[in-house]
Amino acid sequence: MKKPDYQKPDYFARKAKEKGFPARSVFKLAELDQKYKILAKGMRVLDLGAAPGSWMKYAGEKVGEKGLVVGIDRDKLGRQIGANEIFIQEDVFKIEAQELKNKFGSFDLVLSDLAPFTSGQKATDALRSVALAERAYKIAEGVLKGGGNFLVKVFQGPGYDEFFQLLKQKFLSVKSFKPKSSRPSSKEMYIFCRGRK
């Protein structure tokens, strides 16, 4: 039986392994960072849906020793963390923004690569993805400093346009982009929001 394309170890998956990253998703963040200049030295970053840890590792390298990356996921992290990284194993629906802010202060950037378990029903999967993106935004709203930025993954489909319009009201600039390293069959889009109002 032919494997679906999301199960095949493709070029990006092999390249990630060669470079010491747990997953191919690192190239999506790298491409977005190159395009929008998302990460910089000294930044404080919150990474939602952090496991297996590729985005955390990339962000940790970019923000440097004076920066901080806090990752949250209900799954275990697939690697050792760096000195400027903290990982919390918890469900994003159970963690409170105020709790994070009390512990770590405000963040310059919130990243969300959260994705639902897919059912194959595109409309259902899109709605689940939007629910996760909305949760990520709710957390971002509570922890982002004024002028802070937000990068979130959302599947195109029901609820996408409404969520995009909501973000346009809350940030100075909102752009959507599908990285080259996303699988061709994927409905995922990344929305980068700059300048929290």
C-alpha atoms as a PDB file:
ATOM      1  CA  MET A   1       0.000   0.000   0.000  1.00  0.00           C
ATOM      2  CA  LYS A   2       1.287   3.439  -0.906  1.00  0.00           C
ATOM      3  CA  LYS A   3       2.184   5.637   2.062  1.00  0.00           C
ATOM      4  CA  PRO A   4       0.502   9.063   2.253  1.00  0.00           C
ATOM      5  CA  ASP A   5       2.996  11.855   1.554  1.00  0.00           C
ATOM      6  CA  TYR A   6       2.987  13.053   5.197  1.00  0.00           C
ATOM      7  CA  GLN A   7       4.547   9.705   6.257  1.00  0.00           C
ATOM      8  CA  LYS A   8       7.367   9.705   3.723  1.00  0.00           C
ATOM      9  CA  PRO A   9      10.822  10.819   4.893  1.00  0.00           C
ATOM     10  CA  ASP A  10      11.291  13.596   2.349  1.00  0.00           C
ATOM     11  CA  TYR A  11      14.190  15.955   1.591  1.00  0.00           C
ATOM     12  CA  PHE A  12      13.353  18.355   4.453  1.00  0.00           C
ATOM     13  CA  ALA A  13      13.006  15.551   7.024  1.00  0.00           C
ATOM     14  CA  ARG A  14      16.414  14.140   6.031  1.00  0.00           C
ATOM     15  CA  LYS A  15      18.003  17.600   6.033  1.00  0.00           C
ATOM     16  CA  ALA A  16      16.608  18.328   9.542  1.00  0.00           C
ATOM     17  CA  LYS A  17      18.123  15.124  10.882  1.00  0.00           C
ATOM     18  CA  GLU A  18      21.492  15.949   9.300  1.00  0.00           C
ATOM     19  CA  LYS A  19      21.490  19.367  11.008  1.00  0.00           C
ATOM     20  CA  GLY A  20      20.532  17.943  14.415  1.00  0.00           C
ATOM     21  CA  PHE A  21      16.898  19.086  14.528  1.00  0.00           C
ATOM     22  CA  PRO A  22      14.153  16.642  15.620  1.00  0.00           C
ATOM     23  CA  ALA A  23      11.697  17.571  12.832  1.00  0.00           C
ATOM     24  CA  ARG A  24      11.387  19.113   9.372  1.00  0.00           C
ATOM     25  CA  SER A  25       9.258  21.945  10.819  1.00  0.00           C
ATOM     26  CA  VAL A  26      12.473  23.852  11.585  1.00  0.00           C
ATOM     27  CA  PHE A  27      12.713  24.834   7.912  1.00  0.00           C
ATOM     28  CA  LYS A  28       9.247  26.421   8.034  1.00  0.00           C
ATOM     29  CA  LEU A  29      10.330  28.668  10.907  1.00  0.00           C
ATOM     30  CA  ALA A  30      13.689  29.395   9.251  1.00  0.00           C
ATOM     31  CA  GLU A  31      11.932  30.410   6.026  1.00  0.00           C
ATOM     32  CA  LEU A  32       9.420  32.590   7.896  1.00  0.00           C
ATOM     33  CA  ASP A  33      12.245  34.145   9.918  1.00  0.00           C
ATOM     34  CA  GLN A  34      14.191  34.920   6.752  1.00  0.00           C
ATOM     35  CA  LYS A  35      11.114  36.534   5.187  1.00  0.00           C
ATOM     36  CA  TYR A  36       9.788  38.519   8.164  1.00  0.00           C
ATOM     37  CA  LYS A  37      12.852  38.888  10.473  1.00  0.00           C
ATOM     38  CA  ILE A  38      10.922  37.329  13.361  1.00  0.00           C
ATOM     39  CA  LEU A  39      13.749  36.449  15.772  1.00  0.00           C
ATOM     40  CA  ALA A  40      16.598  38.565  17.166  1.00  0.00           C
ATOM     41  CA  LYS A  41      19.248  38.444  19.895  1.00  0.00           C
ATOM     42  CA  GLY A  42      17.983  38.942  23.441  1.00  0.00           C
ATOM     43  CA  MET A  43      14.318  38.220  22.659  1.00  0.00           C
ATOM     44  CA  ARG A  44      11.952  36.492  25.079  1.00  0.00           C
ATOM     45  CA  VAL A  45       9.962  33.884  23.159  1.00  0.00           C
ATOM     46  CA  LEU A  46       7.029  31.612  24.060  1.00  0.00           C
ATOM     47  CA  ASP A  47       6.721  28.515  21.826  1.00  0.00           C
ATOM     48  CA  LEU A  48       3.323  26.755  21.952  1.00  0.00           C
ATOM     49  CA  GLY A  49       3.185  23.201  20.608  1.00  0.00           C
ATOM     50  CA  ALA A  50       6.939  22.964  21.092  1.00  0.00           C
ATOM     51  CA  ALA A  51       7.483  19.174  20.868  1.00  0.00           C
ATOM     52  CA  PRO A  52       9.563  17.559  19.507  1.00  0.00           C
ATOM     53  CA  GLY A  53      11.639  20.719  19.872  1.00  0.00           C
ATOM     54  CA  SER A  54      12.852  21.976  16.485  1.00  0.00           C
ATOM     55  CA  TRP A  55      11.341  25.464  16.793  1.00  0.00           C
ATOM     56  CA  MET A  56      12.648  25.838  20.358  1.00  0.00           C
ATOM     57  CA  LYS A  57      16.173  24.857  19.282  1.00  0.00           C
ATOM     58  CA  TYR A  58      16.136  27.243  16.300  1.00  0.00           C
ATOM     59  CA  ALA A  59      14.688  30.094  18.383  1.00  0.00           C
ATOM     60  CA  GLY A  60      17.157  29.421  21.200  1.00  0.00           C
ATOM     61  CA  GLU A  61      20.079  29.720  18.783  1.00  0.00           C
ATOM     62  CA  LYS A  62      18.689  32.965  17.327  1.00  0.00           C
ATOM     63  CA  VAL A  63      17.943  34.751  20.627  1.00  0.00           C
ATOM     64  CA  GLY A  64      21.314  33.802  22.111  1.00  0.00           C
ATOM     65  CA  GLU A  65      22.407  33.482  25.728  1.00  0.00           C
ATOM     66  CA  LYS A  66      20.733  36.747  26.805  1.00  0.00           C
ATOM     67  CA  GLY A  67      17.399  35.632  25.345  1.00  0.00           C
ATOM     68  CA  LEU A  68      14.878  33.110  26.653  1.00  0.00           C
ATOM     69  CA  VAL A  69      12.687  30.496  24.968  1.00  0.00           C
ATOM     70  CA  VAL A  70       9.868  28.896  26.969  1.00  0.00           C
ATOM     71  CA  GLY A  71       8.285  25.899  25.224  1.00  0.00           C
ATOM     72  CA  ILE A  72       4.966  24.267  26.102  1.00  0.00           C
ATOM     73  CA  ASP A  73       3.564  20.967  24.853  1.00  0.00           C
ATOM     74  CA  ARG A  74       1.583  18.091  26.328  1.00  0.00           C
ATOM     75  CA  ASP A  75       4.057  15.675  24.720  1.00  0.00           C
ATOM     76  CA  LYS A  76       7.628  15.187  25.882  1.00  0.00           C
ATOM     77  CA  LEU A  77      10.403  17.100  24.186  1.00  0.00           C
ATOM     78  CA  GLY A  78      12.507  14.960  21.863  1.00  0.00           C
ATOM     79  CA  ARG A  79      15.904  16.416  22.809  1.00  0.00           C
ATOM     80  CA  GLN A  80      18.088  17.990  25.491  1.00  0.00           C
ATOM     81  CA  ILE A  81      17.361  21.681  26.062  1.00  0.00           C
ATOM     82  CA  GLY A  82      19.843  24.534  25.966  1.00  0.00           C
ATOM     83  CA  ALA A  83      20.810  26.890  28.813  1.00  0.00           C
ATOM     84  CA  ASN A  84      18.441  29.604  27.540  1.00  0.00           C
ATOM     85  CA  GLU A  85      15.455  27.234  27.147  1.00  0.00           C
ATOM     86  CA  ILE A  86      12.731  26.114  29.571  1.00  0.00           C
ATOM     87  CA  PHE A  87      10.227  23.384  28.733  1.00  0.00           C
ATOM     88  CA  ILE A  88       6.841  22.876  30.417  1.00  0.00           C
ATOM     89  CA  GLN A  89       4.959  19.649  29.699  1.00  0.00           C
ATOM     90  CA  GLU A  90       1.329  20.779  29.822  1.00  0.00           C
ATOM     91  CA  ASP A  91      -1.794  21.063  27.663  1.00  0.00           C
ATOM     92  CA  VAL A  92      -2.236  24.609  26.286  1.00  0.00           C
ATOM     93  CA  PHE A  93      -5.909  24.492  27.306  1.00  0.00           C
ATOM     94  CA  LYS A  94      -4.867  23.955  30.931  1.00  0.00           C
ATOM     95  CA  ILE A  95      -2.186  26.617  31.172  1.00  0.00           C
ATOM     96  CA  GLU A  96      -3.104  30.201  32.052  1.00  0.00           C
ATOM     97  CA  ALA A  97      -1.490  33.270  30.508  1.00  0.00           C
ATOM     98  CA  GLN A  98      -1.361  35.103  33.838  1.00  0.00           C
ATOM     99  CA  GLU A  99       0.466  32.170  35.410  1.00  0.00           C
ATOM    100  CA  LEU A 100       3.092  32.353  32.653  1.00  0.00           C
ATOM    101  CA  LYS A 101       3.390  36.129  32.951  1.00  0.00           C
ATOM    102  CA  ASN A 102       3.819  35.930  36.734  1.00  0.00           C
ATOM    103  CA  LYS A 103       6.587  33.377  36.315  1.00  0.00           C
ATOM    104  CA  PHE A 104       8.464  34.696  33.262  1.00  0.00           C
ATOM    105  CA  GLY A 105       7.285  38.277  32.674  1.00  0.00           C
ATOM    106  CA  SER A 106       6.129  39.556  29.264  1.00  0.00           C
ATOM    107  CA  PHE A 107       7.278  38.063  25.958  1.00  0.00           C
ATOM    108  CA  ASP A 108       8.435  39.777  22.755  1.00  0.00           C
ATOM    109  CA  LEU A 109       7.141  36.968  20.557  1.00  0.00           C
ATOM    110  CA  VAL A 110       4.680  34.082  20.774  1.00  0.00           C
ATOM    111  CA  LEU A 111       5.076  31.190  18.313  1.00  0.00           C
ATOM    112  CA  SER A 112       2.387  28.552  17.752  1.00  0.00           C
ATOM    113  CA  ASP A 113       2.896  25.478  15.606  1.00  0.00           C
ATOM    114  CA  LEU A 114      -0.050  23.745  17.304  1.00  0.00           C
ATOM    115  CA  ALA A 115      -1.888  21.265  15.080  1.00  0.00           C
ATOM    116  CA  PRO A 116      -4.846  18.961  15.709  1.00  0.00           C
ATOM    117  CA  PHE A 117      -4.820  15.204  15.222  1.00  0.00           C
ATOM    118  CA  THR A 118      -6.169  15.076  11.681  1.00  0.00           C
ATOM    119  CA  SER A 119      -9.275  13.070  10.850  1.00  0.00           C
ATOM    120  CA  GLY A 120      -9.072  13.376   7.061  1.00  0.00           C
ATOM    121  CA  GLN A 121     -12.270  15.446   7.121  1.00  0.00           C
ATOM    122  CA  LYS A 122     -10.887  18.767   5.892  1.00  0.00           C
ATOM    123  CA  ALA A 123     -13.645  20.969   7.355  1.00  0.00           C
ATOM    124  CA  THR A 124     -13.421  19.292  10.775  1.00  0.00           C
ATOM    125  CA  ASP A 125      -9.630  19.481  10.794  1.00  0.00           C
ATOM    126  CA  ALA A 126      -9.744  23.179   9.847  1.00  0.00           C
ATOM    127  CA  LEU A 127     -12.186  23.962  12.676  1.00  0.00           C
ATOM    128  CA  ARG A 128      -9.979  22.103  15.168  1.00  0.00           C
ATOM    129  CA  SER A 129      -6.953  23.982  13.895  1.00  0.00           C
ATOM    130  CA  VAL A 130      -8.743  27.327  14.296  1.00  0.00           C
ATOM    131  CA  ALA A 131      -9.716  26.377  17.879  1.00  0.00           C
ATOM    132  CA  LEU A 132      -6.033  25.750  18.667  1.00  0.00           C
ATOM    133  CA  ALA A 133      -5.009  29.005  16.952  1.00  0.00           C
ATOM    134  CA  GLU A 134      -7.625  30.906  18.962  1.00  0.00           C
ATOM    135  CA  ARG A 135      -6.279  29.368  22.164  1.00  0.00           C
ATOM    136  CA  ALA A 136      -2.750  30.364  21.151  1.00  0.00           C
ATOM    137  CA  TYR A 137      -3.962  33.915  20.525  1.00  0.00           C
ATOM    138  CA  LYS A 138      -5.713  34.001  23.920  1.00  0.00           C
ATOM    139  CA  ILE A 139      -2.412  33.095  25.594  1.00  0.00           C
ATOM    140  CA  ALA A 140      -0.499  35.579  23.406  1.00  0.00           C
ATOM    141  CA  GLU A 141      -2.952  38.325  24.364  1.00  0.00           C
ATOM    142  CA  GLY A 142      -2.132  37.713  28.028  1.00  0.00           C
ATOM    143  CA  VAL A 143       1.671  37.502  27.780  1.00  0.00           C
ATOM    144  CA  LEU A 144       2.760  39.682  24.845  1.00  0.00           C
ATOM    145  CA  LYS A 145       4.179  43.094  25.589  1.00  0.00           C
ATOM    146  CA  GLY A 146       2.798  46.099  23.683  1.00  0.00           C
ATOM    147  CA  GLY A 147       4.249  46.029  20.163  1.00  0.00           C
ATOM    148  CA  GLY A 148       5.001  42.295  20.505  1.00  0.00           C
ATOM    149  CA  ASN A 149       4.627  39.794  17.650  1.00  0.00           C
ATOM    150  CA  PHE A 150       2.683  36.569  17.097  1.00  0.00           C
ATOM    151  CA  LEU A 151       3.249  33.735  14.588  1.00  0.00           C
ATOM    152  CA  VAL A 152       0.533  31.091  14.345  1.00  0.00           C
ATOM    153  CA  LYS A 153      -0.219  28.066  12.159  1.00  0.00           C
ATOM    154  CA  VAL A 154      -3.819  27.636  10.955  1.00  0.00           C
ATOM    155  CA  PHE A 155      -5.403  25.255   8.452  1.00  0.00           C
ATOM    156  CA  GLN A 156      -7.356  26.921   5.656  1.00  0.00           C
ATOM    157  CA  GLY A 157     -11.068  26.147   5.746  1.00  0.00           C
ATOM    158  CA  PRO A 158     -14.075  27.063   7.904  1.00  0.00           C
ATOM    159  CA  GLY A 159     -13.211  29.716  10.501  1.00  0.00           C
ATOM    160  CA  TYR A 160      -9.888  30.748   8.903  1.00  0.00           C
ATOM    161  CA  ASP A 161     -11.068  34.057   7.410  1.00  0.00           C
ATOM    162  CA  GLU A 162     -12.820  35.120  10.611  1.00  0.00           C
ATOM    163  CA  PHE A 163      -9.706  34.375  12.668  1.00  0.00           C
ATOM    164  CA  PHE A 164      -7.531  36.317  10.188  1.00  0.00           C
ATOM    165  CA  GLN A 165      -9.868  39.334  10.464  1.00  0.00           C
ATOM    166  CA  LEU A 166      -9.738  39.176  14.275  1.00  0.00           C
ATOM    167  CA  LEU A 167      -5.931  39.334  14.174  1.00  0.00           C
ATOM    168  CA  LYS A 168      -6.063  42.322  11.804  1.00  0.00           C
ATOM    169  CA  GLN A 169      -7.948  44.240  14.488  1.00  0.00           C
ATOM    170  CA  LYS A 170      -5.372  43.405  17.146  1.00  0.00           C
ATOM    171  CA  PHE A 171      -2.029  43.959  15.354  1.00  0.00           C
ATOM    172  CA  LEU A 172      -0.559  46.694  13.148  1.00  0.00           C
ATOM    173  CA  SER A 173       0.434  44.271  10.370  1.00  0.00           C
ATOM    174  CA  VAL A 174      -0.916  40.784   9.575  1.00  0.00           C
ATOM    175  CA  LYS A 175       0.471  38.599   6.752  1.00  0.00           C
ATOM    176  CA  SER A 176      -0.214  35.003   5.709  1.00  0.00           C
ATOM    177  CA  PHE A 177       2.371  32.722   4.105  1.00  0.00           C
ATOM    178  CA  LYS A 178       2.813  29.075   3.188  1.00  0.00           C
ATOM    179  CA  PRO A 179       6.487  28.045   3.390  1.00  0.00           C
ATOM    180  CA  LYS A 180       8.086  26.015   0.596  1.00  0.00           C
ATOM    181  CA  SER A 181       8.919  23.341   3.181  1.00  0.00           C
ATOM    182  CA  SER A 182       5.213  22.741   3.916  1.00  0.00           C
ATOM    183  CA  ARG A 183       4.009  19.595   2.192  1.00  0.00           C
ATOM    184  CA  PRO A 184       2.183  20.393  -1.085  1.00  0.00           C
ATOM    185  CA  SER A 185      -0.953  18.567   0.113  1.00  0.00           C
ATOM    186  CA  SER A 186      -1.069  20.506   3.410  1.00  0.00           C
ATOM    187  CA  LYS A 187      -3.741  23.147   4.060  1.00  0.00           C
ATOM    188  CA  GLU A 188      -1.544  24.846   6.648  1.00  0.00           C
ATOM    189  CA  MET A 189      -0.865  28.567   6.511  1.00  0.00           C
ATOM    190  CA  TYR A 190       1.266  30.655   8.840  1.00  0.00           C
ATOM    191  CA  ILE A 191      -0.019  34.048   9.935  1.00  0.00           C
ATOM    192  CA  PHE A 192       2.595  36.531  11.153  1.00  0.00           C
ATOM    193  CA  CYS A 193       1.258  39.414  13.213  1.00  0.00           C
ATOM    194  CA  ARG A 194       3.580  42.340  13.925  1.00  0.00           C
ATOM    195  CA  GLY A 195       3.006  45.068  16.501  1.00  0.00           C
ATOM    196  CA  ARG A 196       0.400  44.233  19.110  1.00  0.00           C
ATOM    197  CA  LYS A 197      -1.873  47.247  19.513  1.00  0.00           C
END
